[in-house]
Amino acid sequence: MDWNEAAEDLLHQILMTTPLPVREQIMGHIRQLAETQAESEGKQRVGVNGVVAAWIESTPEALRVELPRQMERLGLDPEEYGF
């Protein structure tokens, strides 16, 4: 599946905030979730919203309280994603 450049950049930025020992595992998980979501919506390409949705879904519930602050650091509006 294709990824737009902004989605690839966002995934890279998210991974830079992820501890190195689990970075590859998280990358694979977010990629799979984002691609599955795009396919289920009939899209040919993964976009930023798909990456954010996959990031939220892959973040353990106990750590989700940190997501709004992390989103802001990445230039995202947490309210746009339900926070």
PDB file of N, CA and C in Angstrom:
ATOM      1  N   MET A   1       0.847  -1.183   0.000  1.00  0.00           N
ATOM      2  CA  MET A   1       0.000   0.000   0.000  1.00  0.00           C
ATOM      3  C   MET A   1       0.887   1.239   0.000  1.00  0.00           C
ATOM      4  N   ASP A   2       0.442   2.256  -0.717  1.00  0.00           N
ATOM      5  CA  ASP A   2       1.171   3.524  -0.773  1.00  0.00           C
ATOM      6  C   ASP A   2       0.930   4.347   0.486  1.00  0.00           C
ATOM      7  N   TRP A   3       1.920   5.139   0.807  1.00  0.00           N
ATOM      8  CA  TRP A   3       1.834   6.080   1.927  1.00  0.00           C
ATOM      9  C   TRP A   3       2.156   7.457   1.384  1.00  0.00           C
ATOM     10  N   ASN A   4       1.377   8.474   1.798  1.00  0.00           N
ATOM     11  CA  ASN A   4       1.762   9.807   1.350  1.00  0.00           C
ATOM     12  C   ASN A   4       2.950  10.287   2.185  1.00  0.00           C
ATOM     13  N   GLU A   5       3.643  11.262   1.671  1.00  0.00           N
ATOM     14  CA  GLU A   5       4.882  11.722   2.307  1.00  0.00           C
ATOM     15  C   GLU A   5       4.651  12.235   3.726  1.00  0.00           C
ATOM     16  N   ALA A   6       3.561  12.958   3.944  1.00  0.00           N
ATOM     17  CA  ALA A   6       3.267  13.492   5.281  1.00  0.00           C
ATOM     18  C   ALA A   6       3.034  12.359   6.278  1.00  0.00           C
ATOM     19  N   ALA A   7       2.380  11.283   5.840  1.00  0.00           N
ATOM     20  CA  ALA A   7       2.137  10.135   6.716  1.00  0.00           C
ATOM     21  C   ALA A   7       3.452   9.444   7.076  1.00  0.00           C
ATOM     22  N   GLU A   8       4.325   9.275   6.089  1.00  0.00           N
ATOM     23  CA  GLU A   8       5.648   8.673   6.348  1.00  0.00           C
ATOM     24  C   GLU A   8       6.445   9.537   7.324  1.00  0.00           C
ATOM     25  N   ASP A   9       6.413  10.851   7.120  1.00  0.00           N
ATOM     26  CA  ASP A   9       7.138  11.769   8.009  1.00  0.00           C
ATOM     27  C   ASP A   9       6.614  11.692   9.436  1.00  0.00           C
ATOM     28  N   LEU A  10       5.289  11.658   9.571  1.00  0.00           N
ATOM     29  CA  LEU A  10       4.697  11.573  10.907  1.00  0.00           C
ATOM     30  C   LEU A  10       5.082  10.269  11.587  1.00  0.00           C
ATOM     31  N   LEU A  11       5.019   9.171  10.866  1.00  0.00           N
ATOM     32  CA  LEU A  11       5.413   7.884  11.456  1.00  0.00           C
ATOM     33  C   LEU A  11       6.857   7.953  11.931  1.00  0.00           C
ATOM     34  N   HIS A  12       7.733   8.529  11.125  1.00  0.00           N
ATOM     35  CA  HIS A  12       9.139   8.668  11.515  1.00  0.00           C
ATOM     36  C   HIS A  12       9.262   9.508  12.793  1.00  0.00           C
ATOM     37  N   GLN A  13       8.533  10.605  12.874  1.00  0.00           N
ATOM     38  CA  GLN A  13       8.579  11.461  14.068  1.00  0.00           C
ATOM     39  C   GLN A  13       8.078  10.726  15.299  1.00  0.00           C
ATOM     40  N   ILE A  14       7.007   9.961  15.141  1.00  0.00           N
ATOM     41  CA  ILE A  14       6.479   9.175  16.259  1.00  0.00           C
ATOM     42  C   ILE A  14       7.521   8.166  16.724  1.00  0.00           C
ATOM     43  N   LEU A  15       8.165   7.515  15.766  1.00  0.00           N
ATOM     44  CA  LEU A  15       9.162   6.496  16.120  1.00  0.00           C
ATOM     45  C   LEU A  15      10.370   7.084  16.828  1.00  0.00           C
ATOM     46  N   MET A  16      10.709   8.330  16.535  1.00  0.00           N
ATOM     47  CA  MET A  16      11.844   8.966  17.205  1.00  0.00           C
ATOM     48  C   MET A  16      11.559   9.205  18.683  1.00  0.00           C
ATOM     49  N   THR A  17      10.279   9.185  19.076  1.00  0.00           N
ATOM     50  CA  THR A  17       9.919   9.346  20.492  1.00  0.00           C
ATOM     51  C   THR A  17       9.717   7.994  21.175  1.00  0.00           C
ATOM     52  N   THR A  18       9.909   6.928  20.420  1.00  0.00           N
ATOM     53  CA  THR A  18       9.703   5.567  20.923  1.00  0.00           C
ATOM     54  C   THR A  18      11.042   4.973  21.341  1.00  0.00           C
ATOM     55  N   PRO A  19      11.091   4.327  22.512  1.00  0.00           N
ATOM     56  CA  PRO A  19      12.348   3.706  22.944  1.00  0.00           C
ATOM     57  C   PRO A  19      12.889   2.740  21.885  1.00  0.00           C
ATOM     58  N   LEU A  20      14.181   2.809  21.635  1.00  0.00           N
ATOM     59  CA  LEU A  20      14.832   2.014  20.604  1.00  0.00           C
ATOM     60  C   LEU A  20      14.538   0.515  20.668  1.00  0.00           C
ATOM     61  N   PRO A  21      14.537  -0.109  21.861  1.00  0.00           N
ATOM     62  CA  PRO A  21      14.308  -1.563  21.893  1.00  0.00           C
ATOM     63  C   PRO A  21      12.972  -2.012  21.309  1.00  0.00           C
ATOM     64  N   VAL A  22      11.957  -1.134  21.297  1.00  0.00           N
ATOM     65  CA  VAL A  22      10.643  -1.539  20.774  1.00  0.00           C
ATOM     66  C   VAL A  22      10.259  -0.780  19.506  1.00  0.00           C
ATOM     67  N   ARG A  23      11.170   0.029  18.999  1.00  0.00           N
ATOM     68  CA  ARG A  23      10.866   0.895  17.856  1.00  0.00           C
ATOM     69  C   ARG A  23      10.406   0.110  16.624  1.00  0.00           C
ATOM     70  N   GLU A  24      11.132  -0.936  16.258  1.00  0.00           N
ATOM     71  CA  GLU A  24      10.760  -1.712  15.069  1.00  0.00           C
ATOM     72  C   GLU A  24       9.423  -2.414  15.247  1.00  0.00           C
ATOM     73  N   GLN A  25       9.182  -2.932  16.428  1.00  0.00           N
ATOM     74  CA  GLN A  25       7.917  -3.607  16.713  1.00  0.00           C
ATOM     75  C   GLN A  25       6.760  -2.611  16.596  1.00  0.00           C
ATOM     76  N   ILE A  26       6.919  -1.439  17.178  1.00  0.00           N
ATOM     77  CA  ILE A  26       5.883  -0.410  17.121  1.00  0.00           C
ATOM     78  C   ILE A  26       5.671   0.046  15.678  1.00  0.00           C
ATOM     79  N   MET A  27       6.766   0.215  14.938  1.00  0.00           N
ATOM     80  CA  MET A  27       6.653   0.645  13.550  1.00  0.00           C
ATOM     81  C   MET A  27       5.803  -0.354  12.753  1.00  0.00           C
ATOM     82  N   GLY A  28       6.096  -1.629  12.905  1.00  0.00           N
ATOM     83  CA  GLY A  28       5.346  -2.645  12.192  1.00  0.00           C
ATOM     84  C   GLY A  28       3.876  -2.661  12.585  1.00  0.00           C
ATOM     85  N   HIS A  29       3.626  -2.469  13.871  1.00  0.00           N
ATOM     86  CA  HIS A  29       2.256  -2.486  14.364  1.00  0.00           C
ATOM     87  C   HIS A  29       1.467  -1.287  13.834  1.00  0.00           C
ATOM     88  N   ILE A  30       2.049  -0.102  13.907  1.00  0.00           N
ATOM     89  CA  ILE A  30       1.362   1.095  13.410  1.00  0.00           C
ATOM     90  C   ILE A  30       1.148   0.987  11.903  1.00  0.00           C
ATOM     91  N   ARG A  31       2.161   0.537  11.168  1.00  0.00           N
ATOM     92  CA  ARG A  31       2.009   0.375   9.717  1.00  0.00           C
ATOM     93  C   ARG A  31       0.855  -0.562   9.382  1.00  0.00           C
ATOM     94  N   GLN A  32       0.827  -1.693  10.051  1.00  0.00           N
ATOM     95  CA  GLN A  32      -0.219  -2.679   9.777  1.00  0.00           C
ATOM     96  C   GLN A  32      -1.596  -2.113  10.087  1.00  0.00           C
ATOM     97  N   LEU A  33      -1.745  -1.467  11.239  1.00  0.00           N
ATOM     98  CA  LEU A  33      -3.040  -0.896  11.595  1.00  0.00           C
ATOM     99  C   LEU A  33      -3.478   0.176  10.601  1.00  0.00           C
ATOM    100  N   ALA A  34      -2.554   1.066  10.236  1.00  0.00           N
ATOM    101  CA  ALA A  34      -2.882   2.156   9.311  1.00  0.00           C
ATOM    102  C   ALA A  34      -3.277   1.616   7.938  1.00  0.00           C
ATOM    103  N   GLU A  35      -2.551   0.622   7.465  1.00  0.00           N
ATOM    104  CA  GLU A  35      -2.858   0.045   6.154  1.00  0.00           C
ATOM    105  C   GLU A  35      -4.182  -0.717   6.177  1.00  0.00           C
ATOM    106  N   THR A  36      -4.435  -1.442   7.241  1.00  0.00           N
ATOM    107  CA  THR A  36      -5.696  -2.169   7.372  1.00  0.00           C
ATOM    108  C   THR A  36      -6.872  -1.199   7.393  1.00  0.00           C
ATOM    109  N   GLN A  37      -6.712  -0.107   8.130  1.00  0.00           N
ATOM    110  CA  GLN A  37      -7.776   0.896   8.193  1.00  0.00           C
ATOM    111  C   GLN A  37      -8.012   1.517   6.813  1.00  0.00           C
ATOM    112  N   ALA A  38      -6.949   1.877   6.124  1.00  0.00           N
ATOM    113  CA  ALA A  38      -7.090   2.479   4.794  1.00  0.00           C
ATOM    114  C   ALA A  38      -7.787   1.514   3.835  1.00  0.00           C
ATOM    115  N   GLU A  39      -7.384   0.252   3.859  1.00  0.00           N
ATOM    116  CA  GLU A  39      -8.010  -0.748   2.990  1.00  0.00           C
ATOM    117  C   GLU A  39      -9.492  -0.911   3.302  1.00  0.00           C
ATOM    118  N   SER A  40      -9.825  -0.923   4.599  1.00  0.00           N
ATOM    119  CA  SER A  40     -11.236  -1.103   4.973  1.00  0.00           C
ATOM    120  C   SER A  40     -12.088   0.093   4.552  1.00  0.00           C
ATOM    121  N   GLU A  41     -11.452   1.253   4.394  1.00  0.00           N
ATOM    122  CA  GLU A  41     -12.157   2.453   3.942  1.00  0.00           C
ATOM    123  C   GLU A  41     -12.102   2.604   2.422  1.00  0.00           C
ATOM    124  N   GLY A  42     -11.503   1.633   1.740  1.00  0.00           N
ATOM    125  CA  GLY A  42     -11.421   1.660   0.289  1.00  0.00           C
ATOM    126  C   GLY A  42     -10.391   2.634  -0.252  1.00  0.00           C
ATOM    127  N   LYS A  43      -9.432   3.005   0.567  1.00  0.00           N
ATOM    128  CA  LYS A  43      -8.402   3.955   0.145  1.00  0.00           C
ATOM    129  C   LYS A  43      -7.209   3.215  -0.437  1.00  0.00           C
ATOM    130  N   GLN A  44      -6.510   3.877  -1.346  1.00  0.00           N
ATOM    131  CA  GLN A  44      -5.321   3.320  -1.976  1.00  0.00           C
ATOM    132  C   GLN A  44      -4.038   3.781  -1.287  1.00  0.00           C
ATOM    133  N   ARG A  45      -4.188   4.731  -0.357  1.00  0.00           N
ATOM    134  CA  ARG A  45      -3.016   5.346   0.237  1.00  0.00           C
ATOM    135  C   ARG A  45      -3.280   5.659   1.714  1.00  0.00           C
ATOM    136  N   VAL A  46      -2.253   5.493   2.533  1.00  0.00           N
ATOM    137  CA  VAL A  46      -2.331   5.830   3.952  1.00  0.00           C
ATOM    138  C   VAL A  46      -1.999   7.309   4.103  1.00  0.00           C
ATOM    139  N   GLY A  47      -2.823   8.008   4.870  1.00  0.00           N
ATOM    140  CA  GLY A  47      -2.596   9.426   5.138  1.00  0.00           C
ATOM    141  C   GLY A  47      -2.311   9.670   6.609  1.00  0.00           C
ATOM    142  N   VAL A  48      -2.137  10.926   6.941  1.00  0.00           N
ATOM    143  CA  VAL A  48      -1.803  11.325   8.310  1.00  0.00           C
ATOM    144  C   VAL A  48      -2.869  10.858   9.296  1.00  0.00           C
ATOM    145  N   ASN A  49      -4.135  11.039   8.965  1.00  0.00           N
ATOM    146  CA  ASN A  49      -5.198  10.634   9.893  1.00  0.00           C
ATOM    147  C   ASN A  49      -5.143   9.140  10.193  1.00  0.00           C
ATOM    148  N   GLY A  50      -4.798   8.358   9.206  1.00  0.00           N
ATOM    149  CA  GLY A  50      -4.666   6.917   9.425  1.00  0.00           C
ATOM    150  C   GLY A  50      -3.520   6.580  10.352  1.00  0.00           C
ATOM    151  N   VAL A  51      -2.424   7.317  10.218  1.00  0.00           N
ATOM    152  CA  VAL A  51      -1.269   7.093  11.102  1.00  0.00           C
ATOM    153  C   VAL A  51      -1.627   7.467  12.529  1.00  0.00           C
ATOM    154  N   VAL A  52      -2.299   8.605  12.702  1.00  0.00           N
ATOM    155  CA  VAL A  52      -2.685   9.040  14.046  1.00  0.00           C
ATOM    156  C   VAL A  52      -3.643   8.033  14.674  1.00  0.00           C
ATOM    157  N   ALA A  53      -4.631   7.575  13.921  1.00  0.00           N
ATOM    158  CA  ALA A  53      -5.581   6.585  14.448  1.00  0.00           C
ATOM    159  C   ALA A  53      -4.857   5.307  14.865  1.00  0.00           C
ATOM    160  N   ALA A  54      -3.913   4.860  14.053  1.00  0.00           N
ATOM    161  CA  ALA A  54      -3.149   3.648  14.374  1.00  0.00           C
ATOM    162  C   ALA A  54      -2.258   3.873  15.596  1.00  0.00           C
ATOM    163  N   TRP A  55      -1.686   5.062  15.699  1.00  0.00           N
ATOM    164  CA  TRP A  55      -0.843   5.410  16.850  1.00  0.00           C
ATOM    165  C   TRP A  55      -1.675   5.366  18.132  1.00  0.00           C
ATOM    166  N   ILE A  56      -2.851   5.977  18.092  1.00  0.00           N
ATOM    167  CA  ILE A  56      -3.719   5.980  19.272  1.00  0.00           C
ATOM    168  C   ILE A  56      -4.102   4.557  19.643  1.00  0.00           C
ATOM    169  N   GLU A  57      -4.517   3.785  18.651  1.00  0.00           N
ATOM    170  CA  GLU A  57      -4.947   2.407  18.910  1.00  0.00           C
ATOM    171  C   GLU A  57      -3.810   1.546  19.452  1.00  0.00           C
ATOM    172  N   SER A  58      -2.597   1.788  18.992  1.00  0.00           N
ATOM    173  CA  SER A  58      -1.475   0.948  19.419  1.00  0.00           C
ATOM    174  C   SER A  58      -0.879   1.388  20.752  1.00  0.00           C
ATOM    175  N   THR A  59      -1.304   2.535  21.254  1.00  0.00           N
ATOM    176  CA  THR A  59      -0.800   3.029  22.541  1.00  0.00           C
ATOM    177  C   THR A  59      -1.598   2.390  23.668  1.00  0.00           C
ATOM    178  N   PRO A  60      -0.921   1.771  24.627  1.00  0.00           N
ATOM    179  CA  PRO A  60      -1.640   1.174  25.752  1.00  0.00           C
ATOM    180  C   PRO A  60      -2.507   2.213  26.466  1.00  0.00           C
ATOM    181  N   GLU A  61      -3.660   1.790  26.925  1.00  0.00           N
ATOM    182  CA  GLU A  61      -4.631   2.686  27.569  1.00  0.00           C
ATOM    183  C   GLU A  61      -3.992   3.532  28.673  1.00  0.00           C
ATOM    184  N   ALA A  62      -3.130   2.936  29.470  1.00  0.00           N
ATOM    185  CA  ALA A  62      -2.512   3.651  30.585  1.00  0.00           C
ATOM    186  C   ALA A  62      -1.598   4.795  30.123  1.00  0.00           C
ATOM    187  N   LEU A  63      -1.108   4.726  28.898  1.00  0.00           N
ATOM    188  CA  LEU A  63      -0.192   5.745  28.384  1.00  0.00           C
ATOM    189  C   LEU A  63      -0.875   6.778  27.494  1.00  0.00           C
ATOM    190  N   ARG A  64      -2.143   6.580  27.204  1.00  0.00           N
ATOM    191  CA  ARG A  64      -2.844   7.483  26.287  1.00  0.00           C
ATOM    192  C   ARG A  64      -2.990   8.901  26.833  1.00  0.00           C
ATOM    193  N   VAL A  65      -2.909   9.093  28.143  1.00  0.00           N
ATOM    194  CA  VAL A  65      -3.034  10.440  28.707  1.00  0.00           C
ATOM    195  C   VAL A  65      -1.894  11.325  28.219  1.00  0.00           C
ATOM    196  N   GLU A  66      -0.786  10.726  27.800  1.00  0.00           N
ATOM    197  CA  GLU A  66       0.361  11.484  27.301  1.00  0.00           C
ATOM    198  C   GLU A  66       0.215  11.869  25.828  1.00  0.00           C
ATOM    199  N   LEU A  67      -0.694  11.233  25.116  1.00  0.00           N
ATOM    200  CA  LEU A  67      -0.817  11.471  23.676  1.00  0.00           C
ATOM    201  C   LEU A  67      -1.115  12.925  23.309  1.00  0.00           C
ATOM    202  N   PRO A  68      -2.012  13.631  24.001  1.00  0.00           N
ATOM    203  CA  PRO A  68      -2.257  15.022  23.602  1.00  0.00           C
ATOM    204  C   PRO A  68      -0.985  15.879  23.613  1.00  0.00           C
ATOM    205  N   ARG A  69      -0.180  15.725  24.630  1.00  0.00           N
ATOM    206  CA  ARG A  69       1.067  16.495  24.712  1.00  0.00           C
ATOM    207  C   ARG A  69       2.026  16.089  23.583  1.00  0.00           C
ATOM    208  N   GLN A  70       2.111  14.795  23.313  1.00  0.00           N
ATOM    209  CA  GLN A  70       2.969  14.327  22.230  1.00  0.00           C
ATOM    210  C   GLN A  70       2.466  14.824  20.879  1.00  0.00           C
ATOM    211  N   MET A  71       1.156  14.823  20.701  1.00  0.00           N
ATOM    212  CA  MET A  71       0.585  15.321  19.454  1.00  0.00           C
ATOM    213  C   MET A  71       0.931  16.795  19.241  1.00  0.00           C
ATOM    214  N   GLU A  72       0.785  17.581  20.283  1.00  0.00           N
ATOM    215  CA  GLU A  72       1.105  19.005  20.176  1.00  0.00           C
ATOM    216  C   GLU A  72       2.560  19.210  19.788  1.00  0.00           C
ATOM    217  N   ARG A  73       3.461  18.414  20.346  1.00  0.00           N
ATOM    218  CA  ARG A  73       4.878  18.523  19.993  1.00  0.00           C
ATOM    219  C   ARG A  73       5.121  18.206  18.527  1.00  0.00           C
ATOM    220  N   LEU A  74       4.252  17.394  17.949  1.00  0.00           N
ATOM    221  CA  LEU A  74       4.385  17.024  16.544  1.00  0.00           C
ATOM    222  C   LEU A  74       3.567  17.938  15.630  1.00  0.00           C
ATOM    223  N   GLY A  75       2.978  18.978  16.218  1.00  0.00           N
ATOM    224  CA  GLY A  75       2.220  19.933  15.427  1.00  0.00           C
ATOM    225  C   GLY A  75       0.797  19.498  15.096  1.00  0.00           C
ATOM    226  N   LEU A  76       0.278  18.543  15.847  1.00  0.00           N
ATOM    227  CA  LEU A  76      -1.080  18.052  15.638  1.00  0.00           C
ATOM    228  C   LEU A  76      -2.015  18.650  16.684  1.00  0.00           C
ATOM    229  N   ASP A  77      -3.276  18.807  16.345  1.00  0.00           N
ATOM    230  CA  ASP A  77      -4.281  19.309  17.268  1.00  0.00           C
ATOM    231  C   ASP A  77      -4.974  18.123  17.930  1.00  0.00           C
ATOM    232  N   PRO A  78      -4.719  17.890  19.227  1.00  0.00           N
ATOM    233  CA  PRO A  78      -5.319  16.732  19.907  1.00  0.00           C
ATOM    234  C   PRO A  78      -6.843  16.714  19.843  1.00  0.00           C
ATOM    235  N   GLU A  79      -7.477  17.892  19.846  1.00  0.00           N
ATOM    236  CA  GLU A  79      -8.934  17.949  19.799  1.00  0.00           C
ATOM    237  C   GLU A  79      -9.480  17.351  18.500  1.00  0.00           C
ATOM    238  N   GLU A  80      -8.712  17.475  17.444  1.00  0.00           N
ATOM    239  CA  GLU A  80      -9.110  16.927  16.148  1.00  0.00           C
ATOM    240  C   GLU A  80      -9.221  15.398  16.206  1.00  0.00           C
ATOM    241  N   TYR A  81      -8.523  14.803  17.180  1.00  0.00           N
ATOM    242  CA  TYR A  81      -8.496  13.350  17.308  1.00  0.00           C
ATOM    243  C   TYR A  81      -9.189  12.858  18.585  1.00  0.00           C
ATOM    244  N   GLY A  82     -10.068  13.702  19.125  1.00  0.00           N
ATOM    245  CA  GLY A  82     -10.902  13.283  20.239  1.00  0.00           C
ATOM    246  C   GLY A  82     -10.316  13.450  21.624  1.00  0.00           C
ATOM    247  N   PHE A  83      -9.270  14.257  21.759  1.00  0.00           N
ATOM    248  CA  PHE A  83      -8.698  14.492  23.094  1.00  0.00           C
ATOM    249  C   PHE A  83      -9.047  15.872  23.588  1.00  0.00           C
TER     250      PHE A  83
END
